[in-house]
Amino acid sequence: MPKTSTHGAEELAIRFVNTVAWRLRDASEDRLGSPDALLAWLRDNELLSAHDARRVAARWTTQPTAADAAHATALRLREAIYALFLGLIHNRAPPAAPAAFFEEFVGRSSSIRLQWQDGRLNWRADAPRATCDDLLRPVALSAAALLTGPRADRIKQCEDDRGCGWLFLDDSRLRNRRWCAMGDCGNVAKARRHRARTAGP
């Protein structure tokens, strides 16, 4: 059964990494399988308005090479962020290549700006002139804040034995959360334990 998102409240960078479902299976599900899927994700996560997403899509239609390059950059950034988060989770230094790419990406010049909307500040790209880097910059900033901030030790990976692999922030009081969501992998694990306890000899 397809894995559905339960992470609306998660940090932006974690939502981005979690566009790969069943990451620890041999056959994972990539939710960013095309430039169009990337634009849809940016729109759904309020990094682009529907109007601006259509404008970028129109530009990419006439410039497919640019669209493919943007998509490839997005996937590379996602996997670099995942490698950095995984290093924190396992208390080890991340591989050099993903770390170097992330550092270089964060250090690139950008034309994003702060925008006040719905009672909060958010980073936004100026869509008519936005580069791929601009569109992805808020994701990188979210990752950088998590990697170096006070919640870095709360990043965990779902322990579901079916191969979920989604990341989450453990903000529980006892820091003992094990699954991406109780309504998904947690309930499945509980049901399995219950069946095991009640199964006959």
Foldseek 3Di string as FASTA:
>chain_A
DDDDDPPPPFFLLLVLLLCWFLQQDPDIHHQLPFLLSVLVVLCVNPQDPPVLSVVVVVVCVVVVVQSVVLSVLSVLLSVLLVQLLVCLQVVHHGDPPSVVVLVVLLPDDEDWDWDDDPHDIDTYHPSVPDHSSHSCNRSSVRSVCCSPHPQSNQWDFAPQPSRGGRIGGQPDPVSPDRHPDCVPSVVVVVVVVVCVVPDDD
